């Protein structure tokens, strides 16, 4: 699984951080940071993060 975030769309609302904190976080500068190749065991959380993103900036590639 590969996680891709369109940073041109992302406005850092942080819903993904709540849905999948093992994959998404804010860095020291307050910008979104994420794991591009998380463990497959986290798929449900990543899918939830993609679903709750207000701007639909997250996609999953297999």
N, C-alpha and C. Protein backbone atom coordinates (compact mmCIF):
# COMPACT_ATOMS: atom_id res chain seq x y z
N UNK A 1 0.85 -1.18 0.00
CA UNK A 1 0.00 0.00 0.00
C UNK A 1 0.89 1.24 0.00
N UNK A 2 0.53 2.18 -0.83
CA UNK A 2 1.24 3.46 -0.88
C UNK A 2 0.24 4.58 -0.60
N UNK A 3 0.61 5.48 0.30
CA UNK A 3 -0.24 6.62 0.64
C UNK A 3 0.30 7.84 -0.09
N UNK A 4 -0.61 8.55 -0.75
CA UNK A 4 -0.24 9.77 -1.46
C UNK A 4 -1.16 10.88 -0.97
N UNK A 5 -0.57 12.01 -0.58
CA UNK A 5 -1.34 13.18 -0.17
C UNK A 5 -1.04 14.30 -1.16
N UNK A 6 -2.08 14.83 -1.75
CA UNK A 6 -1.93 15.98 -2.65
C UNK A 6 -1.78 17.22 -1.76
N UNK A 7 -0.54 17.64 -1.59
CA UNK A 7 -0.26 18.76 -0.69
C UNK A 7 -0.77 20.09 -1.25
N UNK A 8 -1.14 20.13 -2.52
CA UNK A 8 -1.77 21.32 -3.08
C UNK A 8 -3.22 21.44 -2.62
N UNK A 9 -3.85 20.31 -2.33
CA UNK A 9 -5.22 20.30 -1.83
C UNK A 9 -5.27 20.38 -0.30
N UNK A 10 -4.31 19.71 0.34
CA UNK A 10 -4.32 19.60 1.80
C UNK A 10 -4.24 20.97 2.47
N UNK A 11 -5.17 21.20 3.40
CA UNK A 11 -5.15 22.44 4.18
C UNK A 11 -4.90 22.14 5.66
N UNK A 12 -4.41 20.94 5.92
CA UNK A 12 -3.96 20.53 7.25
C UNK A 12 -5.03 20.68 8.32
N UNK A 13 -6.22 20.19 8.00
CA UNK A 13 -7.31 20.17 8.99
C UNK A 13 -7.02 19.17 10.10
N UNK A 14 -6.27 18.11 9.79
CA UNK A 14 -5.85 17.17 10.81
C UNK A 14 -6.78 16.00 11.05
N UNK A 15 -7.83 15.86 10.28
CA UNK A 15 -8.73 14.72 10.49
C UNK A 15 -8.01 13.40 10.27
N UNK A 16 -7.05 13.37 9.35
CA UNK A 16 -6.28 12.15 9.10
C UNK A 16 -5.42 11.78 10.30
N UNK A 17 -4.94 12.78 11.01
CA UNK A 17 -4.10 12.54 12.19
C UNK A 17 -4.92 11.83 13.27
N UNK A 18 -6.17 12.22 13.42
CA UNK A 18 -7.04 11.56 14.39
C UNK A 18 -7.41 10.15 13.94
N UNK A 19 -7.63 9.97 12.64
CA UNK A 19 -8.07 8.67 12.11
C UNK A 19 -6.94 7.64 12.07
N UNK A 20 -5.73 8.10 11.77
CA UNK A 20 -4.59 7.17 11.62
C UNK A 20 -3.31 7.81 12.15
N UNK A 21 -3.20 7.95 13.47
CA UNK A 21 -2.04 8.63 14.05
C UNK A 21 -0.71 7.90 13.83
N UNK A 22 -0.76 6.61 13.49
CA UNK A 22 0.47 5.88 13.21
C UNK A 22 1.03 6.24 11.84
N UNK A 23 0.20 6.86 11.01
CA UNK A 23 0.58 7.18 9.63
C UNK A 23 0.71 8.69 9.41
N UNK A 24 -0.19 9.47 10.00
CA UNK A 24 -0.22 10.91 9.78
C UNK A 24 0.10 11.66 11.07
N UNK A 25 0.84 12.75 10.95
CA UNK A 25 1.19 13.58 12.11
C UNK A 25 1.55 14.97 11.61
N UNK A 26 1.62 15.89 12.55
CA UNK A 26 2.12 17.23 12.22
C UNK A 26 3.57 17.32 12.67
N UNK A 27 4.41 17.92 11.83
CA UNK A 27 5.82 18.08 12.19
C UNK A 27 5.99 19.32 13.07
N UNK A 28 7.22 19.62 13.41
CA UNK A 28 7.51 20.75 14.32
C UNK A 28 7.04 22.08 13.75
N UNK A 29 6.96 22.18 12.43
CA UNK A 29 6.54 23.43 11.78
C UNK A 29 5.02 23.47 11.58
N UNK A 30 4.33 22.42 12.04
CA UNK A 30 2.89 22.38 11.91
C UNK A 30 2.40 21.90 10.56
N UNK A 31 3.29 21.34 9.76
CA UNK A 31 2.95 20.81 8.44
C UNK A 31 2.65 19.31 8.55
N UNK A 32 1.80 18.84 7.67
CA UNK A 32 1.46 17.43 7.68
C UNK A 32 2.65 16.59 7.23
N UNK A 33 2.93 15.56 7.99
CA UNK A 33 3.95 14.56 7.64
C UNK A 33 3.24 13.21 7.65
N UNK A 34 3.68 12.30 6.80
CA UNK A 34 3.01 11.00 6.75
C UNK A 34 3.96 9.93 6.25
N UNK A 35 3.61 8.68 6.57
CA UNK A 35 4.37 7.51 6.14
C UNK A 35 3.84 7.12 4.76
N UNK A 36 4.70 7.09 3.77
CA UNK A 36 4.24 6.79 2.41
C UNK A 36 3.97 5.31 2.18
N UNK A 37 4.62 4.46 2.95
CA UNK A 37 4.43 3.01 2.79
C UNK A 37 4.12 2.34 4.10
N UNK A 38 2.95 2.63 4.70
CA UNK A 38 2.64 2.03 6.00
C UNK A 38 2.37 0.53 5.88
N UNK A 39 2.44 -0.14 7.00
CA UNK A 39 2.14 -1.56 7.08
C UNK A 39 0.71 -1.82 6.63
N UNK A 40 0.51 -2.91 5.93
CA UNK A 40 -0.82 -3.29 5.43
C UNK A 40 -1.83 -3.42 6.57
N UNK A 41 -1.36 -3.73 7.76
CA UNK A 41 -2.26 -3.87 8.91
C UNK A 41 -2.96 -2.55 9.25
N UNK A 42 -2.44 -1.45 8.75
CA UNK A 42 -3.04 -0.13 9.02
C UNK A 42 -4.00 0.31 7.93
N UNK A 43 -4.31 -0.56 6.99
CA UNK A 43 -5.14 -0.18 5.84
C UNK A 43 -6.48 0.42 6.27
N UNK A 44 -7.17 -0.18 7.21
CA UNK A 44 -8.48 0.32 7.62
C UNK A 44 -8.39 1.75 8.15
N UNK A 45 -7.36 2.02 8.94
CA UNK A 45 -7.17 3.36 9.47
C UNK A 45 -6.85 4.37 8.36
N UNK A 46 -6.01 3.96 7.41
CA UNK A 46 -5.66 4.85 6.30
C UNK A 46 -6.89 5.11 5.43
N UNK A 47 -7.69 4.08 5.18
CA UNK A 47 -8.92 4.27 4.41
C UNK A 47 -9.86 5.23 5.12
N UNK A 48 -9.95 5.11 6.43
CA UNK A 48 -10.78 6.03 7.22
C UNK A 48 -10.24 7.45 7.10
N UNK A 49 -8.93 7.61 7.18
CA UNK A 49 -8.32 8.93 7.05
C UNK A 49 -8.64 9.55 5.69
N UNK A 50 -8.57 8.74 4.64
CA UNK A 50 -8.90 9.23 3.30
C UNK A 50 -10.37 9.63 3.22
N UNK A 51 -11.23 8.85 3.85
CA UNK A 51 -12.67 9.14 3.83
C UNK A 51 -13.02 10.42 4.57
N UNK A 52 -12.35 10.67 5.70
CA UNK A 52 -12.71 11.84 6.51
C UNK A 52 -11.99 13.12 6.08
N UNK A 53 -11.06 13.02 5.15
CA UNK A 53 -10.36 14.22 4.68
C UNK A 53 -11.37 15.16 4.02
N UNK A 54 -11.55 16.37 4.54
CA UNK A 54 -12.55 17.29 3.99
C UNK A 54 -12.28 17.67 2.53
N UNK A 55 -11.04 17.61 2.12
CA UNK A 55 -10.70 18.02 0.75
C UNK A 55 -10.35 16.85 -0.14
N UNK A 56 -10.52 15.62 0.40
CA UNK A 56 -10.23 14.40 -0.37
C UNK A 56 -8.83 14.46 -0.99
N UNK A 57 -7.86 14.86 -0.18
CA UNK A 57 -6.48 15.01 -0.62
C UNK A 57 -5.65 13.73 -0.50
N UNK A 58 -6.23 12.71 0.15
CA UNK A 58 -5.49 11.46 0.40
C UNK A 58 -5.99 10.37 -0.53
N UNK A 59 -5.03 9.66 -1.13
CA UNK A 59 -5.41 8.49 -1.92
C UNK A 59 -4.48 7.33 -1.58
N UNK A 60 -4.99 6.14 -1.80
CA UNK A 60 -4.24 4.90 -1.54
C UNK A 60 -3.98 4.23 -2.87
N UNK A 61 -2.73 3.89 -3.11
CA UNK A 61 -2.37 3.15 -4.31
C UNK A 61 -1.87 1.77 -3.88
N UNK A 62 -2.28 0.76 -4.61
CA UNK A 62 -1.84 -0.61 -4.28
C UNK A 62 -0.71 -1.04 -5.17
